[in-house]
Amino acid sequence: MSNTENRSNDNEAVFQINIAYSAEEDRLLLRLNDAHSHEYRFWITRHLIIRVWPALLKFLRQFSTGTATALTPEAEEMMLDFAQQSANEKVDFERQYRADASTLPLGDAPILVHTITFTPKEKLLELSLRPKVGLGMTVNMDVTLLHAVCKLILTRVNQVDWGVTFSLKDEPYQPQPDSPPRSTPPSLPPAPGSGQLH
């Protein structure tokens, strides 16, 4: 997925973001790298991503419309669609994720994220990924990056047999009717662009 720049609290520009699914772990693997070939790796569980998705959608709509004030559903949808189209034009979802990082500042093993928080700061949304103990990472997302990340998450979650469906509508997710009991998750083919944000 595309090349888009953003800033972390370590003053590093995020160069690429990749979201994949590990059937063995039954978790999402989030990888971020920067222009200096530093890569950061995180595990995100089904429970956590379902819990934070409503908040992520709330800020997506707020940043897309430019206001926290309630709009008519029609006006809100029109502005959201326009912002999504604009973001898609700026992001290359097809570019292969660069997996040749020379440095892993947080270590080779992905960090299990315990808490995800969002803090609005003017035209940026601060995304904080924190483990229960130890170091995490904070990334500032503009509206383009926010839309791209939401698209990556939505696409990947909806490919996985987690019994939920994500959408950009008001309802953050809904149980799939008559969903069979979950078993060992199947391996998934790569999503278009391997689920990465550049």
N, C-alpha and C. Protein backbone atom coordinates (compact mmCIF):
# COMPACT_ATOMS: atom_id res chain seq x y z
N MET A 1 0.86 -1.17 0.00
CA MET A 1 0.00 0.00 0.00
C MET A 1 0.89 1.22 0.00
N SER A 2 0.48 2.35 -0.02
CA SER A 2 1.17 3.50 -0.51
C SER A 2 2.23 4.11 0.35
N ASN A 3 2.92 5.03 -0.26
CA ASN A 3 3.89 5.82 0.47
C ASN A 3 3.22 7.06 0.99
N THR A 4 3.20 7.21 2.32
CA THR A 4 2.62 8.38 2.94
C THR A 4 3.49 8.72 4.13
N GLU A 5 3.81 9.97 4.28
CA GLU A 5 4.66 10.36 5.40
C GLU A 5 3.83 10.80 6.58
N ASN A 6 4.36 10.51 7.77
CA ASN A 6 3.77 10.98 9.01
C ASN A 6 4.86 11.02 10.05
N ARG A 7 4.55 11.56 11.22
CA ARG A 7 5.56 11.73 12.24
C ARG A 7 5.23 10.93 13.48
N SER A 8 6.25 10.35 14.10
CA SER A 8 6.08 9.67 15.37
C SER A 8 6.65 10.55 16.46
N ASN A 9 6.45 10.14 17.72
CA ASN A 9 6.98 10.94 18.82
C ASN A 9 8.50 10.83 18.90
N ASP A 10 9.10 9.95 18.11
CA ASP A 10 10.55 9.84 18.04
C ASP A 10 11.09 10.68 16.89
N ASN A 11 10.22 11.54 16.33
CA ASN A 11 10.60 12.40 15.22
C ASN A 11 11.07 11.62 13.99
N GLU A 12 10.50 10.43 13.81
CA GLU A 12 10.78 9.64 12.62
C GLU A 12 9.54 9.66 11.71
N ALA A 13 9.76 9.81 10.41
CA ALA A 13 8.65 9.79 9.47
C ALA A 13 8.28 8.35 9.15
N VAL A 14 7.01 8.01 9.32
CA VAL A 14 6.54 6.68 8.96
C VAL A 14 6.51 6.59 7.44
N PHE A 15 7.24 5.63 6.91
CA PHE A 15 7.38 5.48 5.46
C PHE A 15 6.39 4.47 4.91
N GLN A 16 6.23 3.34 5.61
CA GLN A 16 5.29 2.30 5.19
C GLN A 16 4.61 1.69 6.40
N ILE A 17 3.38 1.24 6.18
CA ILE A 17 2.66 0.48 7.19
C ILE A 17 2.13 -0.79 6.54
N ASN A 18 2.29 -1.90 7.21
CA ASN A 18 1.80 -3.18 6.71
C ASN A 18 0.95 -3.84 7.78
N ILE A 19 -0.22 -4.33 7.40
CA ILE A 19 -1.07 -5.08 8.32
C ILE A 19 -1.34 -6.44 7.70
N ALA A 20 -0.88 -7.48 8.37
CA ALA A 20 -1.06 -8.85 7.91
C ALA A 20 -1.78 -9.64 9.01
N TYR A 21 -2.20 -10.85 8.66
CA TYR A 21 -2.86 -11.73 9.63
C TYR A 21 -2.02 -12.98 9.83
N SER A 22 -1.79 -13.33 11.09
CA SER A 22 -1.08 -14.56 11.42
C SER A 22 -2.09 -15.60 11.88
N ALA A 23 -2.25 -16.67 11.08
CA ALA A 23 -3.17 -17.74 11.46
C ALA A 23 -2.67 -18.47 12.70
N GLU A 24 -1.36 -18.60 12.81
CA GLU A 24 -0.78 -19.31 13.96
C GLU A 24 -1.07 -18.57 15.26
N GLU A 25 -0.96 -17.25 15.24
CA GLU A 25 -1.21 -16.45 16.43
C GLU A 25 -2.67 -16.01 16.55
N ASP A 26 -3.40 -16.07 15.44
CA ASP A 26 -4.76 -15.53 15.36
C ASP A 26 -4.78 -14.07 15.79
N ARG A 27 -3.84 -13.31 15.25
CA ARG A 27 -3.70 -11.89 15.56
C ARG A 27 -3.31 -11.13 14.30
N LEU A 28 -3.52 -9.82 14.34
CA LEU A 28 -3.01 -8.97 13.28
C LEU A 28 -1.57 -8.59 13.59
N LEU A 29 -0.73 -8.62 12.58
CA LEU A 29 0.65 -8.19 12.72
C LEU A 29 0.80 -6.84 12.04
N LEU A 30 1.06 -5.82 12.85
CA LEU A 30 1.25 -4.46 12.35
C LEU A 30 2.75 -4.18 12.28
N ARG A 31 3.21 -3.77 11.10
CA ARG A 31 4.61 -3.40 10.93
C ARG A 31 4.69 -1.99 10.36
N LEU A 32 5.57 -1.19 10.93
CA LEU A 32 5.80 0.17 10.46
C LEU A 32 7.29 0.34 10.23
N ASN A 33 7.66 1.00 9.12
CA ASN A 33 9.06 1.33 8.93
C ASN A 33 9.20 2.79 8.56
N ASP A 34 10.44 3.28 8.65
CA ASP A 34 10.69 4.68 8.33
C ASP A 34 11.78 4.78 7.26
N ALA A 35 12.11 5.99 6.89
CA ALA A 35 13.07 6.21 5.80
C ALA A 35 14.48 5.78 6.17
N HIS A 36 14.72 5.53 7.45
CA HIS A 36 16.05 5.10 7.91
C HIS A 36 16.13 3.59 8.09
N SER A 37 15.17 2.86 7.54
CA SER A 37 15.13 1.39 7.61
C SER A 37 14.97 0.87 9.03
N HIS A 38 14.28 1.62 9.88
CA HIS A 38 13.90 1.13 11.20
C HIS A 38 12.51 0.51 11.08
N GLU A 39 12.31 -0.65 11.67
CA GLU A 39 10.99 -1.29 11.62
C GLU A 39 10.50 -1.56 13.04
N TYR A 40 9.19 -1.35 13.23
CA TYR A 40 8.54 -1.57 14.52
C TYR A 40 7.43 -2.59 14.30
N ARG A 41 7.35 -3.59 15.18
CA ARG A 41 6.40 -4.69 14.98
C ARG A 41 5.48 -4.84 16.19
N PHE A 42 4.18 -5.02 15.91
CA PHE A 42 3.20 -5.12 16.98
C PHE A 42 2.17 -6.21 16.66
N TRP A 43 1.77 -6.95 17.69
CA TRP A 43 0.62 -7.85 17.61
C TRP A 43 -0.61 -7.09 18.09
N ILE A 44 -1.73 -7.23 17.37
CA ILE A 44 -3.01 -6.66 17.79
C ILE A 44 -4.05 -7.77 17.78
N THR A 45 -4.71 -7.97 18.91
CA THR A 45 -5.66 -9.07 19.05
C THR A 45 -7.04 -8.71 18.50
N ARG A 46 -7.82 -9.74 18.26
CA ARG A 46 -9.21 -9.56 17.82
C ARG A 46 -9.98 -8.72 18.82
N HIS A 47 -9.85 -9.05 20.10
CA HIS A 47 -10.59 -8.33 21.15
C HIS A 47 -10.24 -6.84 21.14
N LEU A 48 -8.97 -6.52 21.00
CA LEU A 48 -8.56 -5.12 21.06
C LEU A 48 -9.02 -4.34 19.83
N ILE A 49 -8.89 -4.92 18.64
CA ILE A 49 -9.26 -4.17 17.44
C ILE A 49 -10.76 -3.94 17.39
N ILE A 50 -11.56 -4.90 17.88
CA ILE A 50 -13.00 -4.70 17.93
C ILE A 50 -13.35 -3.60 18.93
N ARG A 51 -12.62 -3.55 20.02
CA ARG A 51 -12.90 -2.57 21.07
C ARG A 51 -12.55 -1.15 20.63
N VAL A 52 -11.49 -0.97 19.84
CA VAL A 52 -11.07 0.39 19.48
C VAL A 52 -11.66 0.87 18.15
N TRP A 53 -12.24 -0.04 17.37
CA TRP A 53 -12.77 0.35 16.06
C TRP A 53 -13.81 1.46 16.14
N PRO A 54 -14.77 1.44 17.09
CA PRO A 54 -15.73 2.54 17.16
C PRO A 54 -15.07 3.89 17.38
N ALA A 55 -14.06 3.96 18.23
CA ALA A 55 -13.36 5.23 18.46
C ALA A 55 -12.61 5.68 17.21
N LEU A 56 -12.02 4.73 16.52
CA LEU A 56 -11.30 5.06 15.29
C LEU A 56 -12.26 5.63 14.24
N LEU A 57 -13.44 5.02 14.13
CA LEU A 57 -14.45 5.52 13.19
C LEU A 57 -14.94 6.90 13.58
N LYS A 58 -15.09 7.13 14.87
CA LYS A 58 -15.54 8.43 15.35
C LYS A 58 -14.58 9.53 14.90
N PHE A 59 -13.29 9.30 15.09
CA PHE A 59 -12.32 10.30 14.69
C PHE A 59 -12.18 10.38 13.17
N LEU A 60 -12.36 9.27 12.48
CA LEU A 60 -12.33 9.30 11.02
C LEU A 60 -13.41 10.23 10.49
N ARG A 61 -14.60 10.13 11.02
CA ARG A 61 -15.70 10.97 10.56
C ARG A 61 -15.47 12.42 10.98
N GLN A 62 -14.97 12.61 12.20
CA GLN A 62 -14.73 13.97 12.69
C GLN A 62 -13.66 14.68 11.86
N PHE A 63 -12.56 13.98 11.56
CA PHE A 63 -11.48 14.60 10.80
C PHE A 63 -11.88 14.77 9.33
N SER A 64 -12.73 13.89 8.82
CA SER A 64 -13.16 13.98 7.42
C SER A 64 -14.10 15.15 7.19
N THR A 65 -14.95 15.42 8.18
CA THR A 65 -15.91 16.51 8.05
C THR A 65 -15.36 17.83 8.56
N GLY A 66 -14.28 17.76 9.35
CA GLY A 66 -13.67 18.97 9.88
C GLY A 66 -14.42 19.58 11.04
N THR A 67 -15.35 18.81 11.64
CA THR A 67 -16.12 19.33 12.75
C THR A 67 -16.60 18.21 13.64
N ALA A 68 -16.74 18.52 14.94
CA ALA A 68 -17.32 17.56 15.89
C ALA A 68 -18.82 17.78 16.01
N THR A 69 -19.33 18.84 15.33
CA THR A 69 -20.75 19.15 15.36
C THR A 69 -21.53 18.17 14.50
N ALA A 70 -22.70 17.79 14.98
CA ALA A 70 -23.53 16.83 14.25
C ALA A 70 -23.98 17.43 12.91
N LEU A 71 -23.86 16.65 11.85
CA LEU A 71 -24.33 17.03 10.53
C LEU A 71 -25.48 16.13 10.13
N THR A 72 -26.17 16.49 9.08
CA THR A 72 -27.18 15.57 8.57
C THR A 72 -26.47 14.32 8.06
N PRO A 73 -27.12 13.16 8.13
CA PRO A 73 -26.48 11.94 7.64
C PRO A 73 -26.01 12.07 6.20
N GLU A 74 -26.80 12.75 5.37
CA GLU A 74 -26.44 12.89 3.96
C GLU A 74 -25.17 13.72 3.80
N ALA A 75 -25.09 14.84 4.53
CA ALA A 75 -23.92 15.71 4.44
C ALA A 75 -22.68 15.00 4.96
N GLU A 76 -22.84 14.28 6.06
CA GLU A 76 -21.70 13.57 6.65
C GLU A 76 -21.18 12.49 5.70
N GLU A 77 -22.09 11.72 5.10
CA GLU A 77 -21.69 10.67 4.18
C GLU A 77 -20.99 11.25 2.95
N MET A 78 -21.49 12.37 2.45
CA MET A 78 -20.89 12.99 1.28
C MET A 78 -19.47 13.45 1.58
N MET A 79 -19.27 14.08 2.74
CA MET A 79 -17.94 14.56 3.11
C MET A 79 -16.99 13.40 3.40
N LEU A 80 -17.52 12.33 4.00
CA LEU A 80 -16.70 11.16 4.29
C LEU A 80 -16.25 10.49 2.98
N ASP A 81 -17.17 10.37 2.04
CA ASP A 81 -16.84 9.76 0.75
C ASP A 81 -15.79 10.59 0.00
N PHE A 82 -15.95 11.91 0.07
CA PHE A 82 -15.00 12.79 -0.61
C PHE A 82 -13.61 12.66 0.01
N ALA A 83 -13.55 12.62 1.34
CA ALA A 83 -12.27 12.49 2.03
C ALA A 83 -11.62 11.14 1.74
N GLN A 84 -12.45 10.08 1.66
CA GLN A 84 -11.92 8.76 1.35
C GLN A 84 -11.36 8.71 -0.07
N GLN A 85 -12.07 9.30 -1.01
CA GLN A 85 -11.61 9.33 -2.39
C GLN A 85 -10.31 10.12 -2.51
N SER A 86 -10.24 11.24 -1.81
CA SER A 86 -9.03 12.06 -1.83
C SER A 86 -7.84 11.31 -1.24
N ALA A 87 -8.08 10.58 -0.14
CA ALA A 87 -7.01 9.80 0.49
C ALA A 87 -6.54 8.68 -0.44
N ASN A 88 -7.48 8.01 -1.09
CA ASN A 88 -7.12 6.91 -1.99
C ASN A 88 -6.25 7.38 -3.15
N GLU A 89 -6.46 8.62 -3.59
CA GLU A 89 -5.67 9.16 -4.69
C GLU A 89 -4.24 9.48 -4.26
N LYS A 90 -4.04 9.67 -2.96
CA LYS A 90 -2.72 10.03 -2.46
C LYS A 90 -1.92 8.83 -1.97
N VAL A 91 -2.57 7.68 -1.87
CA VAL A 91 -1.94 6.51 -1.26
C VAL A 91 -1.82 5.39 -2.29
N ASP A 92 -0.64 4.82 -2.39
CA ASP A 92 -0.38 3.72 -3.32
C ASP A 92 -0.54 2.40 -2.58
N PHE A 93 -1.68 1.76 -2.75
CA PHE A 93 -1.97 0.52 -2.04
C PHE A 93 -1.30 -0.70 -2.68
N GLU A 94 -0.71 -0.52 -3.84
CA GLU A 94 -0.16 -1.66 -4.57
C GLU A 94 1.34 -1.86 -4.33
N ARG A 95 2.00 -0.86 -3.82
CA ARG A 95 3.45 -0.98 -3.66
C ARG A 95 3.80 -2.01 -2.60
N GLN A 96 4.79 -2.82 -2.88
CA GLN A 96 5.19 -3.89 -1.97
C GLN A 96 5.85 -3.31 -0.73
N TYR A 97 5.52 -3.90 0.42
CA TYR A 97 6.13 -3.47 1.67
C TYR A 97 7.61 -3.81 1.68
N ARG A 98 8.43 -2.87 2.10
CA ARG A 98 9.87 -3.08 2.14
C ARG A 98 10.25 -3.84 3.42
N ALA A 99 10.71 -5.07 3.26
CA ALA A 99 10.98 -5.93 4.42
C ALA A 99 12.46 -6.09 4.70
N ASP A 100 13.25 -5.06 4.38
CA ASP A 100 14.70 -5.16 4.55
C ASP A 100 15.21 -4.22 5.64
N ALA A 101 14.44 -4.08 6.71
CA ALA A 101 14.83 -3.17 7.79
C ALA A 101 16.20 -3.54 8.35
N SER A 102 17.02 -2.51 8.56
CA SER A 102 18.36 -2.75 9.11
C SER A 102 18.37 -2.69 10.63
N THR A 103 17.36 -2.05 11.22
CA THR A 103 17.30 -1.89 12.67
C THR A 103 15.89 -2.14 13.17
N LEU A 104 15.79 -2.85 14.29
CA LEU A 104 14.51 -3.11 14.94
C LEU A 104 14.59 -2.51 16.34
N PRO A 105 14.26 -1.21 16.49
CA PRO A 105 14.44 -0.51 17.77
C PRO A 105 13.73 -1.16 18.95
N LEU A 106 12.59 -1.81 18.71
CA LEU A 106 11.84 -2.44 19.80
C LEU A 106 12.06 -3.94 19.86
N GLY A 107 12.97 -4.45 19.03
CA GLY A 107 13.28 -5.87 19.04
C GLY A 107 12.68 -6.61 17.87
N ASP A 108 13.17 -7.83 17.65
CA ASP A 108 12.72 -8.66 16.53
C ASP A 108 11.31 -9.21 16.75
N ALA A 109 11.01 -9.61 17.98
CA ALA A 109 9.69 -10.19 18.28
C ALA A 109 8.65 -9.08 18.35
N PRO A 110 7.49 -9.25 17.69
CA PRO A 110 6.44 -8.24 17.77
C PRO A 110 5.99 -8.03 19.21
N ILE A 111 5.65 -6.79 19.53
CA ILE A 111 5.17 -6.43 20.86
C ILE A 111 3.66 -6.61 20.90
N LEU A 112 3.17 -7.29 21.93
CA LEU A 112 1.73 -7.47 22.10
C LEU A 112 1.13 -6.18 22.64
N VAL A 113 0.28 -5.54 21.84
CA VAL A 113 -0.32 -4.27 22.25
C VAL A 113 -1.41 -4.52 23.27
N HIS A 114 -1.31 -3.84 24.39
CA HIS A 114 -2.31 -3.96 25.45
C HIS A 114 -3.32 -2.81 25.40
N THR A 115 -2.84 -1.63 24.99
CA THR A 115 -3.68 -0.43 24.98
C THR A 115 -3.44 0.37 23.71
N ILE A 116 -4.53 0.80 23.08
CA ILE A 116 -4.46 1.74 21.96
C ILE A 116 -5.26 2.97 22.36
N THR A 117 -4.63 4.14 22.29
CA THR A 117 -5.34 5.37 22.63
C THR A 117 -5.24 6.35 21.47
N PHE A 118 -6.24 7.24 21.39
CA PHE A 118 -6.28 8.26 20.35
C PHE A 118 -6.39 9.62 21.03
N THR A 119 -5.56 10.57 20.60
CA THR A 119 -5.59 11.93 21.15
C THR A 119 -5.60 12.92 20.00
N PRO A 120 -6.72 13.66 19.80
CA PRO A 120 -6.76 14.65 18.73
C PRO A 120 -5.87 15.84 19.05
N LYS A 121 -5.08 16.27 18.07
CA LYS A 121 -4.19 17.43 18.21
C LYS A 121 -4.29 18.26 16.95
N GLU A 122 -5.14 19.29 16.99
CA GLU A 122 -5.40 20.14 15.84
C GLU A 122 -5.81 19.28 14.64
N LYS A 123 -5.01 19.24 13.59
CA LYS A 123 -5.38 18.49 12.39
C LYS A 123 -4.79 17.09 12.37
N LEU A 124 -4.22 16.66 13.48
CA LEU A 124 -3.62 15.33 13.58
C LEU A 124 -4.29 14.52 14.67
N LEU A 125 -4.27 13.21 14.48
CA LEU A 125 -4.75 12.29 15.51
C LEU A 125 -3.56 11.49 15.99
N GLU A 126 -3.27 11.60 17.29
CA GLU A 126 -2.15 10.86 17.86
C GLU A 126 -2.59 9.45 18.21
N LEU A 127 -1.94 8.48 17.60
CA LEU A 127 -2.21 7.06 17.84
C LEU A 127 -1.09 6.50 18.70
N SER A 128 -1.45 5.97 19.86
CA SER A 128 -0.46 5.43 20.79
C SER A 128 -0.67 3.93 20.96
N LEU A 129 0.38 3.15 20.71
CA LEU A 129 0.36 1.70 20.86
C LEU A 129 1.24 1.33 22.05
N ARG A 130 0.63 0.74 23.10
CA ARG A 130 1.38 0.46 24.31
C ARG A 130 1.21 -0.98 24.76
N PRO A 131 2.31 -1.64 25.12
CA PRO A 131 2.21 -2.97 25.73
C PRO A 131 1.84 -2.83 27.20
N LYS A 132 1.59 -3.93 27.86
CA LYS A 132 1.29 -3.88 29.28
C LYS A 132 2.50 -3.38 30.06
N VAL A 133 3.68 -3.81 29.63
CA VAL A 133 4.94 -3.38 30.24
C VAL A 133 5.95 -3.13 29.13
N GLY A 134 6.69 -2.03 29.23
CA GLY A 134 7.73 -1.77 28.25
C GLY A 134 7.41 -0.64 27.29
N LEU A 135 8.23 -0.53 26.24
CA LEU A 135 8.13 0.57 25.30
C LEU A 135 7.10 0.30 24.21
N GLY A 136 6.45 1.36 23.78
CA GLY A 136 5.53 1.28 22.67
C GLY A 136 5.89 2.33 21.63
N MET A 137 4.89 2.85 20.95
CA MET A 137 5.14 3.81 19.88
C MET A 137 3.94 4.73 19.73
N THR A 138 4.20 5.97 19.35
CA THR A 138 3.15 6.94 19.07
C THR A 138 3.35 7.49 17.66
N VAL A 139 2.27 7.54 16.90
CA VAL A 139 2.32 8.04 15.52
C VAL A 139 1.24 9.10 15.36
N ASN A 140 1.59 10.22 14.73
CA ASN A 140 0.61 11.26 14.44
C ASN A 140 0.06 11.05 13.03
N MET A 141 -1.25 10.91 12.94
CA MET A 141 -1.89 10.62 11.66
C MET A 141 -2.67 11.83 11.16
N ASP A 142 -2.43 12.22 9.91
CA ASP A 142 -3.30 13.21 9.29
C ASP A 142 -4.49 12.47 8.69
N VAL A 143 -5.40 13.20 8.07
CA VAL A 143 -6.64 12.57 7.61
C VAL A 143 -6.36 11.54 6.52
N THR A 144 -5.35 11.77 5.69
CA THR A 144 -5.02 10.81 4.64
C THR A 144 -4.53 9.50 5.23
N LEU A 145 -3.62 9.58 6.18
CA LEU A 145 -3.10 8.38 6.83
C LEU A 145 -4.20 7.68 7.62
N LEU A 146 -5.06 8.46 8.25
CA LEU A 146 -6.17 7.88 9.03
C LEU A 146 -7.09 7.06 8.13
N HIS A 147 -7.44 7.60 6.98
CA HIS A 147 -8.29 6.86 6.05
C HIS A 147 -7.59 5.60 5.56
N ALA A 148 -6.31 5.70 5.26
CA ALA A 148 -5.57 4.54 4.76
C ALA A 148 -5.49 3.44 5.80
N VAL A 149 -5.21 3.82 7.05
CA VAL A 149 -5.13 2.83 8.13
C VAL A 149 -6.48 2.15 8.34
N CYS A 150 -7.56 2.93 8.31
CA CYS A 150 -8.90 2.34 8.47
C CYS A 150 -9.19 1.36 7.35
N LYS A 151 -8.80 1.71 6.13
CA LYS A 151 -9.04 0.81 5.00
C LYS A 151 -8.25 -0.48 5.15
N LEU A 152 -7.00 -0.38 5.60
CA LEU A 152 -6.18 -1.57 5.82
C LEU A 152 -6.80 -2.48 6.88
N ILE A 153 -7.21 -1.89 8.00
CA ILE A 153 -7.80 -2.68 9.08
C ILE A 153 -9.08 -3.34 8.62
N LEU A 154 -9.96 -2.55 7.99
CA LEU A 154 -11.25 -3.07 7.54
C LEU A 154 -11.05 -4.23 6.56
N THR A 155 -10.17 -4.04 5.59
CA THR A 155 -9.94 -5.08 4.59
C THR A 155 -9.42 -6.36 5.22
N ARG A 156 -8.46 -6.22 6.11
CA ARG A 156 -7.84 -7.41 6.71
C ARG A 156 -8.80 -8.12 7.65
N VAL A 157 -9.49 -7.38 8.52
CA VAL A 157 -10.41 -8.01 9.48
C VAL A 157 -11.52 -8.74 8.75
N ASN A 158 -12.02 -8.16 7.67
CA ASN A 158 -13.12 -8.79 6.94
C ASN A 158 -12.69 -10.02 6.14
N GLN A 159 -11.39 -10.27 6.05
CA GLN A 159 -10.90 -11.49 5.41
C GLN A 159 -10.75 -12.64 6.40
N VAL A 160 -10.77 -12.31 7.69
CA VAL A 160 -10.46 -13.28 8.73
C VAL A 160 -11.74 -13.87 9.31
N ASP A 161 -11.70 -15.13 9.67
CA ASP A 161 -12.86 -15.80 10.27
C ASP A 161 -12.97 -15.44 11.74
N TRP A 162 -13.31 -14.16 11.98
CA TRP A 162 -13.45 -13.68 13.36
C TRP A 162 -14.92 -13.46 13.73
N GLY A 163 -15.83 -13.76 12.83
CA GLY A 163 -17.24 -13.63 13.15
C GLY A 163 -17.73 -12.21 13.26
N VAL A 164 -17.00 -11.25 12.69
CA VAL A 164 -17.41 -9.85 12.71
C VAL A 164 -17.21 -9.25 11.32
N THR A 165 -17.93 -8.18 11.06
CA THR A 165 -17.78 -7.45 9.81
C THR A 165 -17.59 -5.98 10.12
N PHE A 166 -16.52 -5.40 9.64
CA PHE A 166 -16.26 -3.97 9.83
C PHE A 166 -16.76 -3.21 8.60
N SER A 167 -17.23 -1.99 8.84
CA SER A 167 -17.60 -1.10 7.75
C SER A 167 -17.34 0.32 8.21
N LEU A 168 -17.46 1.26 7.28
CA LEU A 168 -17.27 2.67 7.61
C LEU A 168 -18.58 3.35 7.97
N LYS A 169 -19.64 2.57 8.11
CA LYS A 169 -20.93 3.11 8.49
C LYS A 169 -20.99 3.32 10.00
N ASP A 170 -22.12 3.81 10.49
CA ASP A 170 -22.25 4.12 11.91
C ASP A 170 -22.05 2.89 12.78
N GLU A 171 -22.61 1.76 12.34
CA GLU A 171 -22.42 0.55 13.13
C GLU A 171 -21.00 0.06 12.93
N PRO A 172 -20.20 0.01 14.00
CA PRO A 172 -18.78 -0.32 13.86
C PRO A 172 -18.52 -1.73 13.41
N TYR A 173 -19.34 -2.67 13.85
CA TYR A 173 -19.20 -4.06 13.40
C TYR A 173 -20.49 -4.76 13.73
N GLN A 174 -20.71 -5.89 13.12
CA GLN A 174 -21.91 -6.66 13.43
C GLN A 174 -21.59 -8.15 13.37
N PRO A 175 -22.13 -8.94 14.30
CA PRO A 175 -21.90 -10.38 14.24
C PRO A 175 -22.45 -10.95 12.94
N GLN A 176 -21.74 -11.85 12.34
CA GLN A 176 -22.22 -12.49 11.13
C GLN A 176 -23.28 -13.52 11.51
N PRO A 177 -24.45 -13.51 10.88
CA PRO A 177 -25.51 -14.45 11.24
C PRO A 177 -25.10 -15.89 11.00
N ASP A 178 -25.49 -16.73 11.97
CA ASP A 178 -25.24 -18.18 11.86
C ASP A 178 -23.77 -18.48 11.62
N SER A 179 -22.90 -17.69 12.25
CA SER A 179 -21.47 -17.93 12.10
C SER A 179 -21.09 -19.22 12.80
N PRO A 180 -20.40 -20.14 12.12
CA PRO A 180 -20.02 -21.41 12.74
C PRO A 180 -18.99 -21.19 13.83
N PRO A 181 -18.83 -22.15 14.74
CA PRO A 181 -17.82 -22.01 15.79
C PRO A 181 -16.45 -21.83 15.18
N ARG A 182 -15.66 -20.98 15.81
CA ARG A 182 -14.32 -20.72 15.31
C ARG A 182 -13.43 -21.92 15.56
N SER A 183 -12.63 -22.25 14.57
CA SER A 183 -11.68 -23.34 14.69
C SER A 183 -10.31 -22.78 14.34
N THR A 184 -9.37 -23.64 14.04
CA THR A 184 -8.05 -23.15 13.66
C THR A 184 -8.17 -22.29 12.41
N PRO A 185 -7.77 -21.02 12.49
CA PRO A 185 -7.97 -20.11 11.36
C PRO A 185 -7.20 -20.58 10.14
N PRO A 186 -7.81 -20.46 8.96
CA PRO A 186 -7.13 -20.85 7.73
C PRO A 186 -6.09 -19.82 7.34
N SER A 187 -5.13 -20.24 6.53
CA SER A 187 -4.17 -19.29 6.00
C SER A 187 -4.87 -18.44 4.95
N LEU A 188 -4.48 -17.18 4.88
CA LEU A 188 -5.13 -16.26 3.96
C LEU A 188 -4.19 -15.89 2.82
N PRO A 189 -4.75 -15.71 1.62
CA PRO A 189 -3.93 -15.18 0.54
C PRO A 189 -3.65 -13.71 0.81
N PRO A 190 -2.58 -13.16 0.28
CA PRO A 190 -2.28 -11.75 0.51
C PRO A 190 -3.41 -10.88 -0.01
N ALA A 191 -3.71 -9.82 0.74
CA ALA A 191 -4.67 -8.84 0.26
C ALA A 191 -4.01 -8.02 -0.83
N PRO A 192 -4.80 -7.29 -1.64
CA PRO A 192 -4.19 -6.43 -2.65
C PRO A 192 -3.16 -5.52 -2.03
N GLY A 193 -1.96 -5.51 -2.59
CA GLY A 193 -0.90 -4.68 -2.05
C GLY A 193 -0.34 -5.23 -0.76
N SER A 194 -0.69 -6.48 -0.42
CA SER A 194 -0.22 -7.13 0.80
C SER A 194 -0.60 -6.37 2.05
N GLY A 195 -1.61 -5.53 1.97
CA GLY A 195 -2.09 -4.83 3.14
C GLY A 195 -1.08 -3.87 3.72
N GLN A 196 -0.41 -3.12 2.90
CA GLN A 196 0.56 -2.20 3.44
C GLN A 196 0.26 -0.77 3.07
N LEU A 197 0.61 0.09 3.97
CA LEU A 197 0.51 1.52 3.71
C LEU A 197 1.91 2.07 3.59
N HIS A 198 2.19 2.69 2.48
CA HIS A 198 3.47 3.36 2.28
C HIS A 198 3.26 4.81 2.64
